[in-house]
Each structure stands twice: as C-alpha cells, then as structure tokens.
Amino acid sequence: MVGPDRVQVYVAVGFVDMRKSIDGLSMLVAERFALDPFGGHMFAFSNRRRTVVKVLYWDRNGFCLWQKRLERERFRWPESREQVLRIEQRELRWLLEGLEIHQGNAHTSRRYSVIY
C-alpha cells in the first residue's frame, strides 16, 4: 500500500462515518479539507471507536480504498486542532501497527539538496 516517497499522507483527525465509500470520502477530501483527491496522495480516516481505518488514494486511473479493522485493540489516532494532519508514510505504518505517530526515539527525516 505504501507508495513512492513523494506521496504525501493526510490523516483526518476527527472521526468519519465508516459507511462512506470512495465517493463520499473523496468529496470529504475535496470539500472539507480543500485537497485534491486525484493527486495520488493518501488520505486516512478512522471511525469514532478507533477500530477501523480507511485509506483512500488515486492510482493512475481509479481510486483505491484500503481498510483495516481491529478485532480487540484501538488505533492511537492523533489529536490536533487541525482537521487534517500531514504525516510521513512511516508514521502511517506506525499508526497501522498500533503505535503513536510521534515516537520520541525515532530518527528524524533529513532532506538534502545539491547546491551547484
């Protein structure tokens, strides 16, 4: 499910009605978050109980919707005053594994550019 490094991941901080499918979630991305659902980026949503996560993304010629449902545990969904958070792909993997997105001991990402 994880794509190239240039793919951005956005997490909807509040809860979403999990009856929403591709059309409803893509409209939510466009209207409430003012983001482009066709940009190839990933958009993650969770239900109120934090037992279900859906990830929506556009893949060349159609939408993909990926879902994970926990049987006993809960996702450690981030809290913020923002409606949507931009996170890294590794932080999405952490969420799906049951970890927090802010790991105190994790190495920070470094981005370098060539200067000519």
PDB file of N, CA and C in Angstrom:
ATOM      1  N   MET A   1       0.813  -1.192   0.000  1.00  0.00           N
ATOM      2  CA  MET A   1       0.000   0.000   0.000  1.00  0.00           C
ATOM      3  C   MET A   1       0.857   1.257   0.000  1.00  0.00           C
ATOM      4  N   VAL A   2       2.002   1.213   0.598  1.00  0.00           N
ATOM      5  CA  VAL A   2       2.831   2.404   0.686  1.00  0.00           C
ATOM      6  C   VAL A   2       3.485   2.671  -0.656  1.00  0.00           C
ATOM      7  N   GLY A   3       3.428   3.939  -1.081  1.00  0.00           N
ATOM      8  CA  GLY A   3       3.900   4.311  -2.396  1.00  0.00           C
ATOM      9  C   GLY A   3       5.251   4.984  -2.367  1.00  0.00           C
ATOM     10  N   PRO A   4       5.592   5.641  -3.453  1.00  0.00           N
ATOM     11  CA  PRO A   4       6.873   6.340  -3.557  1.00  0.00           C
ATOM     12  C   PRO A   4       6.993   7.443  -2.511  1.00  0.00           C
ATOM     13  N   ASP A   5       8.220   7.869  -2.253  1.00  0.00           N
ATOM     14  CA  ASP A   5       8.472   8.878  -1.224  1.00  0.00           C
ATOM     15  C   ASP A   5       7.742  10.185  -1.470  1.00  0.00           C
ATOM     16  N   ARG A   6       7.461  10.516  -2.705  1.00  0.00           N
ATOM     17  CA  ARG A   6       6.810  11.793  -3.000  1.00  0.00           C
ATOM     18  C   ARG A   6       5.323  11.794  -2.636  1.00  0.00           C
ATOM     19  N   VAL A   7       4.763  10.633  -2.342  1.00  0.00           N
ATOM     20  CA  VAL A   7       3.358  10.549  -1.951  1.00  0.00           C
ATOM     21  C   VAL A   7       3.209  11.102  -0.536  1.00  0.00           C
ATOM     22  N   GLN A   8       2.313  12.053  -0.387  1.00  0.00           N
ATOM     23  CA  GLN A   8       2.049  12.625   0.930  1.00  0.00           C
ATOM     24  C   GLN A   8       0.891  11.879   1.579  1.00  0.00           C
ATOM     25  N   VAL A   9       0.888  11.857   2.898  1.00  0.00           N
ATOM     26  CA  VAL A   9      -0.159  11.179   3.652  1.00  0.00           C
ATOM     27  C   VAL A   9      -0.871  12.222   4.510  1.00  0.00           C
ATOM     28  N   TYR A  10      -2.186  12.231   4.420  1.00  0.00           N
ATOM     29  CA  TYR A  10      -3.001  13.145   5.213  1.00  0.00           C
ATOM     30  C   TYR A  10      -3.929  12.322   6.100  1.00  0.00           C
ATOM     31  N   VAL A  11      -4.006  12.688   7.370  1.00  0.00           N
ATOM     32  CA  VAL A  11      -4.846  11.997   8.339  1.00  0.00           C
ATOM     33  C   VAL A  11      -5.981  12.919   8.746  1.00  0.00           C
ATOM     34  N   ALA A  12      -7.212  12.453   8.577  1.00  0.00           N
ATOM     35  CA  ALA A  12      -8.371  13.189   9.068  1.00  0.00           C
ATOM     36  C   ALA A  12      -8.420  12.987  10.575  1.00  0.00           C
ATOM     37  N   VAL A  13      -8.261  14.062  11.333  1.00  0.00           N
ATOM     38  CA  VAL A  13      -8.084  13.950  12.776  1.00  0.00           C
ATOM     39  C   VAL A  13      -9.355  13.500  13.486  1.00  0.00           C
ATOM     40  N   GLY A  14     -10.483  14.013  13.121  1.00  0.00           N
ATOM     41  CA  GLY A  14     -11.736  13.598  13.761  1.00  0.00           C
ATOM     42  C   GLY A  14     -12.170  12.229  13.266  1.00  0.00           C
ATOM     43  N   PHE A  15     -13.361  11.859  13.625  1.00  0.00           N
ATOM     44  CA  PHE A  15     -13.879  10.574  13.161  1.00  0.00           C
ATOM     45  C   PHE A  15     -14.740  10.774  11.925  1.00  0.00           C
ATOM     46  N   VAL A  16     -14.862   9.697  11.157  1.00  0.00           N
ATOM     47  CA  VAL A  16     -15.633   9.718   9.918  1.00  0.00           C
ATOM     48  C   VAL A  16     -16.625   8.555   9.956  1.00  0.00           C
ATOM     49  N   ASP A  17     -17.782   8.770   9.402  1.00  0.00           N
ATOM     50  CA  ASP A  17     -18.776   7.710   9.262  1.00  0.00           C
ATOM     51  C   ASP A  17     -18.208   6.658   8.315  1.00  0.00           C
ATOM     52  N   MET A  18     -17.954   5.478   8.813  1.00  0.00           N
ATOM     53  CA  MET A  18     -17.314   4.432   8.012  1.00  0.00           C
ATOM     54  C   MET A  18     -18.248   3.820   6.970  1.00  0.00           C
ATOM     55  N   ARG A  19     -19.483   4.276   6.913  1.00  0.00           N
ATOM     56  CA  ARG A  19     -20.359   3.843   5.818  1.00  0.00           C
ATOM     57  C   ARG A  19     -19.993   4.554   4.528  1.00  0.00           C
ATOM     58  N   LYS A  20     -19.211   5.631   4.643  1.00  0.00           N
ATOM     59  CA  LYS A  20     -18.769   6.346   3.444  1.00  0.00           C
ATOM     60  C   LYS A  20     -17.836   5.450   2.648  1.00  0.00           C
ATOM     61  N   SER A  21     -18.008   5.494   1.361  1.00  0.00           N
ATOM     62  CA  SER A  21     -17.144   4.735   0.467  1.00  0.00           C
ATOM     63  C   SER A  21     -16.295   5.713  -0.342  1.00  0.00           C
ATOM     64  N   ILE A  22     -15.853   5.295  -1.493  1.00  0.00           N
ATOM     65  CA  ILE A  22     -14.940   6.095  -2.305  1.00  0.00           C
ATOM     66  C   ILE A  22     -15.514   7.473  -2.626  1.00  0.00           C
ATOM     67  N   ASP A  23     -16.732   7.532  -3.111  1.00  0.00           N
ATOM     68  CA  ASP A  23     -17.315   8.813  -3.499  1.00  0.00           C
ATOM     69  C   ASP A  23     -17.441   9.759  -2.314  1.00  0.00           C
ATOM     70  N   GLY A  24     -17.967   9.264  -1.205  1.00  0.00           N
ATOM     71  CA  GLY A  24     -18.151  10.105  -0.030  1.00  0.00           C
ATOM     72  C   GLY A  24     -16.838  10.580   0.563  1.00  0.00           C
ATOM     73  N   LEU A  25     -15.847   9.707   0.622  1.00  0.00           N
ATOM     74  CA  LEU A  25     -14.550  10.087   1.178  1.00  0.00           C
ATOM     75  C   LEU A  25     -13.812  11.065   0.259  1.00  0.00           C
ATOM     76  N   SER A  26     -13.896  10.845  -1.055  1.00  0.00           N
ATOM     77  CA  SER A  26     -13.220  11.765  -1.976  1.00  0.00           C
ATOM     78  C   SER A  26     -13.878  13.151  -1.939  1.00  0.00           C
ATOM     79  N   MET A  27     -15.197  13.209  -1.770  1.00  0.00           N
ATOM     80  CA  MET A  27     -15.874  14.500  -1.624  1.00  0.00           C
ATOM     81  C   MET A  27     -15.450  15.181  -0.326  1.00  0.00           C
ATOM     82  N   LEU A  28     -15.276  14.413   0.735  1.00  0.00           N
ATOM     83  CA  LEU A  28     -14.820  14.959   2.010  1.00  0.00           C
ATOM     84  C   LEU A  28     -13.431  15.577   1.874  1.00  0.00           C
ATOM     85  N   VAL A  29     -12.543  14.881   1.162  1.00  0.00           N
ATOM     86  CA  VAL A  29     -11.189  15.391   0.926  1.00  0.00           C
ATOM     87  C   VAL A  29     -11.238  16.714   0.172  1.00  0.00           C
ATOM     88  N   ALA A  30     -12.038  16.758  -0.876  1.00  0.00           N
ATOM     89  CA  ALA A  30     -12.104  17.965  -1.716  1.00  0.00           C
ATOM     90  C   ALA A  30     -12.813  19.121  -1.023  1.00  0.00           C
ATOM     91  N   GLU A  31     -13.936  18.858  -0.387  1.00  0.00           N
ATOM     92  CA  GLU A  31     -14.751  19.934   0.154  1.00  0.00           C
ATOM     93  C   GLU A  31     -14.315  20.383   1.546  1.00  0.00           C
ATOM     94  N   ARG A  32     -14.146  19.471   2.470  1.00  0.00           N
ATOM     95  CA  ARG A  32     -13.827  19.865   3.846  1.00  0.00           C
ATOM     96  C   ARG A  32     -12.350  20.198   4.036  1.00  0.00           C
ATOM     97  N   PHE A  33     -11.475  19.436   3.376  1.00  0.00           N
ATOM     98  CA  PHE A  33     -10.042  19.643   3.577  1.00  0.00           C
ATOM     99  C   PHE A  33      -9.406  20.488   2.485  1.00  0.00           C
ATOM    100  N   ALA A  34     -10.146  20.785   1.417  1.00  0.00           N
ATOM    101  CA  ALA A  34      -9.653  21.578   0.288  1.00  0.00           C
ATOM    102  C   ALA A  34      -8.368  20.994  -0.295  1.00  0.00           C
ATOM    103  N   LEU A  35      -8.336  19.663  -0.442  1.00  0.00           N
ATOM    104  CA  LEU A  35      -7.202  18.957  -1.030  1.00  0.00           C
ATOM    105  C   LEU A  35      -7.678  18.226  -2.279  1.00  0.00           C
ATOM    106  N   ASP A  36      -6.741  17.886  -3.145  1.00  0.00           N
ATOM    107  CA  ASP A  36      -7.060  17.223  -4.408  1.00  0.00           C
ATOM    108  C   ASP A  36      -7.048  15.708  -4.230  1.00  0.00           C
ATOM    109  N   PRO A  37      -8.200  15.050  -4.264  1.00  0.00           N
ATOM    110  CA  PRO A  37      -8.224  13.600  -4.096  1.00  0.00           C
ATOM    111  C   PRO A  37      -7.613  12.843  -5.279  1.00  0.00           C
ATOM    112  N   PHE A  38      -7.409  13.524  -6.417  1.00  0.00           N
ATOM    113  CA  PHE A  38      -6.839  12.884  -7.597  1.00  0.00           C
ATOM    114  C   PHE A  38      -5.324  13.048  -7.680  1.00  0.00           C
ATOM    115  N   GLY A  39      -4.714  13.630  -6.670  1.00  0.00           N
ATOM    116  CA  GLY A  39      -3.283  13.926  -6.688  1.00  0.00           C
ATOM    117  C   GLY A  39      -2.377  12.744  -6.412  1.00  0.00           C
ATOM    118  N   GLY A  40      -2.925  11.575  -6.103  1.00  0.00           N
ATOM    119  CA  GLY A  40      -2.105  10.403  -5.826  1.00  0.00           C
ATOM    120  C   GLY A  40      -1.655  10.305  -4.377  1.00  0.00           C
ATOM    121  N   HIS A  41      -2.106  11.224  -3.540  1.00  0.00           N
ATOM    122  CA  HIS A  41      -1.723  11.193  -2.133  1.00  0.00           C
ATOM    123  C   HIS A  41      -2.691  10.318  -1.348  1.00  0.00           C
ATOM    124  N   MET A  42      -2.285   9.898  -0.164  1.00  0.00           N
ATOM    125  CA  MET A  42      -3.094   9.018   0.672  1.00  0.00           C
ATOM    126  C   MET A  42      -3.849   9.837   1.708  1.00  0.00           C
ATOM    127  N   PHE A  43      -5.092   9.446   1.944  1.00  0.00           N
ATOM    128  CA  PHE A  43      -5.945  10.101   2.922  1.00  0.00           C
ATOM    129  C   PHE A  43      -6.475   9.036   3.870  1.00  0.00           C
ATOM    130  N   ALA A  44      -6.141   9.161   5.156  1.00  0.00           N
ATOM    131  CA  ALA A  44      -6.517   8.158   6.152  1.00  0.00           C
ATOM    132  C   ALA A  44      -7.644   8.684   7.033  1.00  0.00           C
ATOM    133  N   PHE A  45      -8.599   7.811   7.310  1.00  0.00           N
ATOM    134  CA  PHE A  45      -9.774   8.145   8.110  1.00  0.00           C
ATOM    135  C   PHE A  45      -9.985   7.054   9.152  1.00  0.00           C
ATOM    136  N   SER A  46     -10.584   7.431  10.276  1.00  0.00           N
ATOM    137  CA  SER A  46     -10.899   6.447  11.308  1.00  0.00           C
ATOM    138  C   SER A  46     -12.320   6.675  11.809  1.00  0.00           C
ATOM    139  N   ASN A  47     -12.879   5.635  12.415  1.00  0.00           N
ATOM    140  CA  ASN A  47     -14.212   5.756  12.992  1.00  0.00           C
ATOM    141  C   ASN A  47     -14.119   6.304  14.414  1.00  0.00           C
ATOM    142  N   ARG A  48     -15.244   6.541  15.035  1.00  0.00           N
ATOM    143  CA  ARG A  48     -15.299   7.123  16.377  1.00  0.00           C
ATOM    144  C   ARG A  48     -14.613   6.229  17.404  1.00  0.00           C
ATOM    145  N   ARG A  49     -14.785   4.933  17.315  1.00  0.00           N
ATOM    146  CA  ARG A  49     -14.211   3.995  18.292  1.00  0.00           C
ATOM    147  C   ARG A  49     -12.742   3.692  18.042  1.00  0.00           C
ATOM    148  N   ARG A  50     -12.208   4.168  16.911  1.00  0.00           N
ATOM    149  CA  ARG A  50     -10.798   3.960  16.537  1.00  0.00           C
ATOM    150  C   ARG A  50     -10.454   2.483  16.343  1.00  0.00           C
ATOM    151  N   THR A  51     -11.413   1.755  15.775  1.00  0.00           N
ATOM    152  CA  THR A  51     -11.189   0.341  15.485  1.00  0.00           C
ATOM    153  C   THR A  51     -11.071   0.072  13.985  1.00  0.00           C
ATOM    154  N   VAL A  52     -11.391   1.079  13.170  1.00  0.00           N
ATOM    155  CA  VAL A  52     -11.349   0.926  11.715  1.00  0.00           C
ATOM    156  C   VAL A  52     -10.595   2.109  11.115  1.00  0.00           C
ATOM    157  N   VAL A  53      -9.735   1.797  10.152  1.00  0.00           N
ATOM    158  CA  VAL A  53      -9.049   2.829   9.371  1.00  0.00           C
ATOM    159  C   VAL A  53      -9.307   2.545   7.901  1.00  0.00           C
ATOM    160  N   LYS A  54      -9.621   3.591   7.163  1.00  0.00           N
ATOM    161  CA  LYS A  54      -9.721   3.504   5.705  1.00  0.00           C
ATOM    162  C   LYS A  54      -8.699   4.454   5.115  1.00  0.00           C
ATOM    163  N   VAL A  55      -8.024   4.004   4.065  1.00  0.00           N
ATOM    164  CA  VAL A  55      -7.054   4.828   3.356  1.00  0.00           C
ATOM    165  C   VAL A  55      -7.495   4.915   1.904  1.00  0.00           C
ATOM    166  N   LEU A  56      -7.683   6.135   1.438  1.00  0.00           N
ATOM    167  CA  LEU A  56      -8.127   6.401   0.073  1.00  0.00           C
ATOM    168  C   LEU A  56      -6.982   7.019  -0.710  1.00  0.00           C
ATOM    169  N   TYR A  57      -6.785   6.561  -1.944  1.00  0.00           N
ATOM    170  CA  TYR A  57      -5.798   7.189  -2.820  1.00  0.00           C
ATOM    171  C   TYR A  57      -6.144   6.922  -4.280  1.00  0.00           C
ATOM    172  N   TRP A  58      -5.679   7.823  -5.131  1.00  0.00           N
ATOM    173  CA  TRP A  58      -5.879   7.719  -6.575  1.00  0.00           C
ATOM    174  C   TRP A  58      -4.684   7.010  -7.169  1.00  0.00           C
ATOM    175  N   ASP A  59      -4.918   5.983  -7.976  1.00  0.00           N
ATOM    176  CA  ASP A  59      -3.836   5.223  -8.595  1.00  0.00           C
ATOM    177  C   ASP A  59      -4.016   5.227 -10.106  1.00  0.00           C
ATOM    178  N   ARG A  60      -3.406   6.143 -10.789  1.00  0.00           N
ATOM    179  CA  ARG A  60      -3.358   6.317 -12.237  1.00  0.00           C
ATOM    180  C   ARG A  60      -4.705   6.433 -12.928  1.00  0.00           C
ATOM    181  N   ASN A  61      -5.607   5.469 -12.760  1.00  0.00           N
ATOM    182  CA  ASN A  61      -6.862   5.507 -13.499  1.00  0.00           C
ATOM    183  C   ASN A  61      -8.080   5.158 -12.650  1.00  0.00           C
ATOM    184  N   GLY A  62      -7.898   5.191 -11.337  1.00  0.00           N
ATOM    185  CA  GLY A  62      -9.030   4.908 -10.463  1.00  0.00           C
ATOM    186  C   GLY A  62      -8.656   5.007  -8.996  1.00  0.00           C
ATOM    187  N   PHE A  63      -9.686   5.126  -8.169  1.00  0.00           N
ATOM    188  CA  PHE A  63      -9.466   5.201  -6.725  1.00  0.00           C
ATOM    189  C   PHE A  63      -9.237   3.816  -6.135  1.00  0.00           C
ATOM    190  N   CYS A  64      -8.420   3.782  -5.099  1.00  0.00           N
ATOM    191  CA  CYS A  64      -8.226   2.589  -4.295  1.00  0.00           C
ATOM    192  C   CYS A  64      -8.681   2.915  -2.885  1.00  0.00           C
ATOM    193  N   LEU A  65      -9.346   1.974  -2.257  1.00  0.00           N
ATOM    194  CA  LEU A  65      -9.781   2.142  -0.876  1.00  0.00           C
ATOM    195  C   LEU A  65      -9.325   0.931  -0.094  1.00  0.00           C
ATOM    196  N   TRP A  66      -8.487   1.175   0.878  1.00  0.00           N
ATOM    197  CA  TRP A  66      -7.896   0.127   1.698  1.00  0.00           C
ATOM    198  C   TRP A  66      -8.470   0.262   3.096  1.00  0.00           C
ATOM    199  N   GLN A  67      -8.785  -0.857   3.741  1.00  0.00           N
ATOM    200  CA  GLN A  67      -9.395  -0.815   5.074  1.00  0.00           C
ATOM    201  C   GLN A  67      -8.732  -1.810   5.997  1.00  0.00           C
ATOM    202  N   LYS A  68      -8.569  -1.408   7.259  1.00  0.00           N
ATOM    203  CA  LYS A  68      -8.083  -2.314   8.294  1.00  0.00           C
ATOM    204  C   LYS A  68      -9.022  -2.195   9.484  1.00  0.00           C
ATOM    205  N   ARG A  69      -9.498  -3.345   9.968  1.00  0.00           N
ATOM    206  CA  ARG A  69     -10.377  -3.375  11.135  1.00  0.00           C
ATOM    207  C   ARG A  69      -9.709  -4.186  12.233  1.00  0.00           C
ATOM    208  N   LEU A  70      -9.617  -3.606  13.411  1.00  0.00           N
ATOM    209  CA  LEU A  70      -9.039  -4.298  14.551  1.00  0.00           C
ATOM    210  C   LEU A  70     -10.117  -5.079  15.284  1.00  0.00           C
ATOM    211  N   GLU A  71      -9.764  -6.249  15.760  1.00  0.00           N
ATOM    212  CA  GLU A  71     -10.717  -7.084  16.465  1.00  0.00           C
ATOM    213  C   GLU A  71     -10.765  -6.785  17.963  1.00  0.00           C
ATOM    214  N   ARG A  72      -9.622  -6.394  18.568  1.00  0.00           N
ATOM    215  CA  ARG A  72      -9.617  -6.176  20.010  1.00  0.00           C
ATOM    216  C   ARG A  72      -9.011  -4.844  20.434  1.00  0.00           C
ATOM    217  N   GLU A  73      -8.084  -4.326  19.697  1.00  0.00           N
ATOM    218  CA  GLU A  73      -7.354  -3.125  20.093  1.00  0.00           C
ATOM    219  C   GLU A  73      -7.990  -1.878  19.487  1.00  0.00           C
ATOM    220  N   ARG A  74      -7.337  -0.734  19.703  1.00  0.00           N
ATOM    221  CA  ARG A  74      -7.754   0.534  19.115  1.00  0.00           C
ATOM    222  C   ARG A  74      -6.530   1.212  18.508  1.00  0.00           C
ATOM    223  N   PHE A  75      -6.763   1.953  17.432  1.00  0.00           N
ATOM    224  CA  PHE A  75      -5.691   2.736  16.829  1.00  0.00           C
ATOM    225  C   PHE A  75      -5.398   3.941  17.714  1.00  0.00           C
ATOM    226  N   ARG A  76      -4.154   4.329  17.770  1.00  0.00           N
ATOM    227  CA  ARG A  76      -3.754   5.514  18.541  1.00  0.00           C
ATOM    228  C   ARG A  76      -3.781   6.718  17.609  1.00  0.00           C
ATOM    229  N   TRP A  77      -4.987   7.151  17.331  1.00  0.00           N
ATOM    230  CA  TRP A  77      -5.220   8.204  16.343  1.00  0.00           C
ATOM    231  C   TRP A  77      -4.750   9.544  16.890  1.00  0.00           C
ATOM    232  N   PRO A  78      -4.088  10.349  16.058  1.00  0.00           N
ATOM    233  CA  PRO A  78      -3.585  11.643  16.543  1.00  0.00           C
ATOM    234  C   PRO A  78      -4.712  12.624  16.864  1.00  0.00           C
ATOM    235  N   GLU A  79      -4.417  13.503  17.797  1.00  0.00           N
ATOM    236  CA  GLU A  79      -5.351  14.570  18.140  1.00  0.00           C
ATOM    237  C   GLU A  79      -4.699  15.899  17.806  1.00  0.00           C
ATOM    238  N   SER A  80      -5.488  16.803  17.276  1.00  0.00           N
ATOM    239  CA  SER A  80      -4.971  18.107  16.882  1.00  0.00           C
ATOM    240  C   SER A  80      -6.134  19.067  16.740  1.00  0.00           C
ATOM    241  N   ARG A  81      -5.831  20.348  16.749  1.00  0.00           N
ATOM    242  CA  ARG A  81      -6.862  21.349  16.481  1.00  0.00           C
ATOM    243  C   ARG A  81      -7.151  21.438  14.987  1.00  0.00           C
ATOM    244  N   GLU A  82      -6.238  20.945  14.182  1.00  0.00           N
ATOM    245  CA  GLU A  82      -6.413  20.942  12.732  1.00  0.00           C
ATOM    246  C   GLU A  82      -7.382  19.831  12.341  1.00  0.00           C
ATOM    247  N   GLN A  83      -8.051  19.993  11.211  1.00  0.00           N
ATOM    248  CA  GLN A  83      -8.950  18.954  10.709  1.00  0.00           C
ATOM    249  C   GLN A  83      -8.181  17.821  10.035  1.00  0.00           C
ATOM    250  N   VAL A  84      -7.026  18.165   9.487  1.00  0.00           N
ATOM    251  CA  VAL A  84      -6.246  17.178   8.767  1.00  0.00           C
ATOM    252  C   VAL A  84      -4.766  17.420   9.072  1.00  0.00           C
ATOM    253  N   LEU A  85      -4.031  16.341   9.268  1.00  0.00           N
ATOM    254  CA  LEU A  85      -2.594  16.418   9.530  1.00  0.00           C
ATOM    255  C   LEU A  85      -1.841  15.783   8.376  1.00  0.00           C
ATOM    256  N   ARG A  86      -0.747  16.395   8.003  1.00  0.00           N
ATOM    257  CA  ARG A  86       0.135  15.791   7.007  1.00  0.00           C
ATOM    258  C   ARG A  86       1.218  15.029   7.776  1.00  0.00           C
ATOM    259  N   ILE A  87       1.342  13.750   7.490  1.00  0.00           N
ATOM    260  CA  ILE A  87       2.333  12.924   8.163  1.00  0.00           C
ATOM    261  C   ILE A  87       3.173  12.203   7.123  1.00  0.00           C
ATOM    262  N   GLU A  88       4.221  11.540   7.572  1.00  0.00           N
ATOM    263  CA  GLU A  88       5.061  10.764   6.675  1.00  0.00           C
ATOM    264  C   GLU A  88       4.519   9.342   6.557  1.00  0.00           C
ATOM    265  N   GLN A  89       4.956   8.645   5.509  1.00  0.00           N
ATOM    266  CA  GLN A  89       4.493   7.282   5.294  1.00  0.00           C
ATOM    267  C   GLN A  89       4.873   6.361   6.447  1.00  0.00           C
ATOM    268  N   ARG A  90       6.041   6.577   7.014  1.00  0.00           N
ATOM    269  CA  ARG A  90       6.442   5.722   8.129  1.00  0.00           C
ATOM    270  C   ARG A  90       5.531   5.941   9.327  1.00  0.00           C
ATOM    271  N   GLU A  91       5.037   7.167   9.513  1.00  0.00           N
ATOM    272  CA  GLU A  91       4.114   7.433  10.602  1.00  0.00           C
ATOM    273  C   GLU A  91       2.764   6.766  10.366  1.00  0.00           C
ATOM    274  N   LEU A  92       2.343   6.663   9.104  1.00  0.00           N
ATOM    275  CA  LEU A  92       1.127   5.903   8.794  1.00  0.00           C
ATOM    276  C   LEU A  92       1.339   4.432   9.127  1.00  0.00           C
ATOM    277  N   ARG A  93       2.496   3.893   8.779  1.00  0.00           N
ATOM    278  CA  ARG A  93       2.793   2.491   9.131  1.00  0.00           C
ATOM    279  C   ARG A  93       2.754   2.306  10.645  1.00  0.00           C
ATOM    280  N   TRP A  94       3.302   3.278  11.376  1.00  0.00           N
ATOM    281  CA  TRP A  94       3.265   3.192  12.841  1.00  0.00           C
ATOM    282  C   TRP A  94       1.824   3.161  13.335  1.00  0.00           C
ATOM    283  N   LEU A  95       0.980   4.046  12.795  1.00  0.00           N
ATOM    284  CA  LEU A  95      -0.427   4.062  13.201  1.00  0.00           C
ATOM    285  C   LEU A  95      -1.075   2.705  12.975  1.00  0.00           C
ATOM    286  N   LEU A  96      -0.835   2.135  11.810  1.00  0.00           N
ATOM    287  CA  LEU A  96      -1.460   0.855  11.467  1.00  0.00           C
ATOM    288  C   LEU A  96      -0.923  -0.297  12.312  1.00  0.00           C
ATOM    289  N   GLU A  97       0.260  -0.120  12.895  1.00  0.00           N
ATOM    290  CA  GLU A  97       0.843  -1.133  13.783  1.00  0.00           C
ATOM    291  C   GLU A  97       0.439  -0.921  15.237  1.00  0.00           C
ATOM    292  N   GLY A  98      -0.301   0.151  15.516  1.00  0.00           N
ATOM    293  CA  GLY A  98      -0.756   0.400  16.872  1.00  0.00           C
ATOM    294  C   GLY A  98       0.122   1.346  17.662  1.00  0.00           C
ATOM    295  N   LEU A  99       1.032   2.040  16.987  1.00  0.00           N
ATOM    296  CA  LEU A  99       1.928   2.975  17.649  1.00  0.00           C
ATOM    297  C   LEU A  99       1.449   4.408  17.466  1.00  0.00           C
ATOM    298  N   GLU A 100       2.018   5.309  18.243  1.00  0.00           N
ATOM    299  CA  GLU A 100       1.755   6.742  18.092  1.00  0.00           C
ATOM    300  C   GLU A 100       2.524   7.261  16.878  1.00  0.00           C
ATOM    301  N   ILE A 101       2.058   8.347  16.277  1.00  0.00           N
ATOM    302  CA  ILE A 101       2.809   8.901  15.151  1.00  0.00           C
ATOM    303  C   ILE A 101       4.024   9.671  15.618  1.00  0.00           C
ATOM    304  N   HIS A 102       4.044  10.085  16.875  1.00  0.00           N
ATOM    305  CA  HIS A 102       5.187  10.820  17.419  1.00  0.00           C
ATOM    306  C   HIS A 102       5.980   9.879  18.319  1.00  0.00           C
ATOM    307  N   GLN A 103       6.993   9.262  17.752  1.00  0.00           N
ATOM    308  CA  GLN A 103       7.854   8.362  18.503  1.00  0.00           C
ATOM    309  C   GLN A 103       9.058   9.155  18.994  1.00  0.00           C
ATOM    310  N   GLY A 104       9.214   9.261  20.285  1.00  0.00           N
ATOM    311  CA  GLY A 104      10.289  10.053  20.861  1.00  0.00           C
ATOM    312  C   GLY A 104      11.681   9.582  20.482  1.00  0.00           C
ATOM    313  N   ASN A 105      11.856   8.296  20.271  1.00  0.00           N
ATOM    314  CA  ASN A 105      13.176   7.749  19.968  1.00  0.00           C
ATOM    315  C   ASN A 105      13.434   7.557  18.479  1.00  0.00           C
ATOM    316  N   ALA A 106      12.482   7.923  17.647  1.00  0.00           N
ATOM    317  CA  ALA A 106      12.637   7.706  16.206  1.00  0.00           C
ATOM    318  C   ALA A 106      13.619   8.711  15.619  1.00  0.00           C
ATOM    319  N   HIS A 107      14.339   8.272  14.607  1.00  0.00           N
ATOM    320  CA  HIS A 107      15.239   9.179  13.892  1.00  0.00           C
ATOM    321  C   HIS A 107      14.404  10.167  13.085  1.00  0.00           C
ATOM    322  N   THR A 108      14.838  11.394  13.046  1.00  0.00           N
ATOM    323  CA  THR A 108      14.125  12.387  12.251  1.00  0.00           C
ATOM    324  C   THR A 108      14.553  12.276  10.791  1.00  0.00           C
ATOM    325  N   SER A 109      13.677  12.676   9.907  1.00  0.00           N
ATOM    326  CA  SER A 109      13.984  12.637   8.480  1.00  0.00           C
ATOM    327  C   SER A 109      14.877  13.808   8.117  1.00  0.00           C
ATOM    328  N   ARG A 110      15.801  13.570   7.237  1.00  0.00           N
ATOM    329  CA  ARG A 110      16.680  14.612   6.725  1.00  0.00           C
ATOM    330  C   ARG A 110      16.466  14.711   5.232  1.00  0.00           C
ATOM    331  N   ARG A 111      16.396  15.922   4.750  1.00  0.00           N
ATOM    332  CA  ARG A 111      16.238  16.153   3.319  1.00  0.00           C
ATOM    333  C   ARG A 111      17.353  17.099   2.881  1.00  0.00           C
ATOM    334  N   TYR A 112      18.109  16.648   1.927  1.00  0.00           N
ATOM    335  CA  TYR A 112      19.233  17.438   1.414  1.00  0.00           C
ATOM    336  C   TYR A 112      18.997  17.757  -0.043  1.00  0.00           C
ATOM    337  N   SER A 113      19.597  18.832  -0.482  1.00  0.00           N
ATOM    338  CA  SER A 113      19.549  19.163  -1.887  1.00  0.00           C
ATOM    339  C   SER A 113      20.968  19.487  -2.338  1.00  0.00           C
ATOM    340  N   VAL A 114      21.206  19.331  -3.598  1.00  0.00           N
ATOM    341  CA  VAL A 114      22.502  19.601  -4.168  1.00  0.00           C
ATOM    342  C   VAL A 114      22.607  21.081  -4.485  1.00  0.00           C
ATOM    343  N   ILE A 115      23.698  21.674  -4.095  1.00  0.00           N
ATOM    344  CA  ILE A 115      23.936  23.093  -4.389  1.00  0.00           C
ATOM    345  C   ILE A 115      25.019  23.169  -5.459  1.00  0.00           C
ATOM    346  N   TYR A 116      24.707  23.826  -6.540  1.00  0.00           N
ATOM    347  CA  TYR A 116      25.674  23.947  -7.649  1.00  0.00           C
ATOM    348  C   TYR A 116      26.310  25.287  -7.638  1.00  0.00           C
TER     349      TYR A 116
END
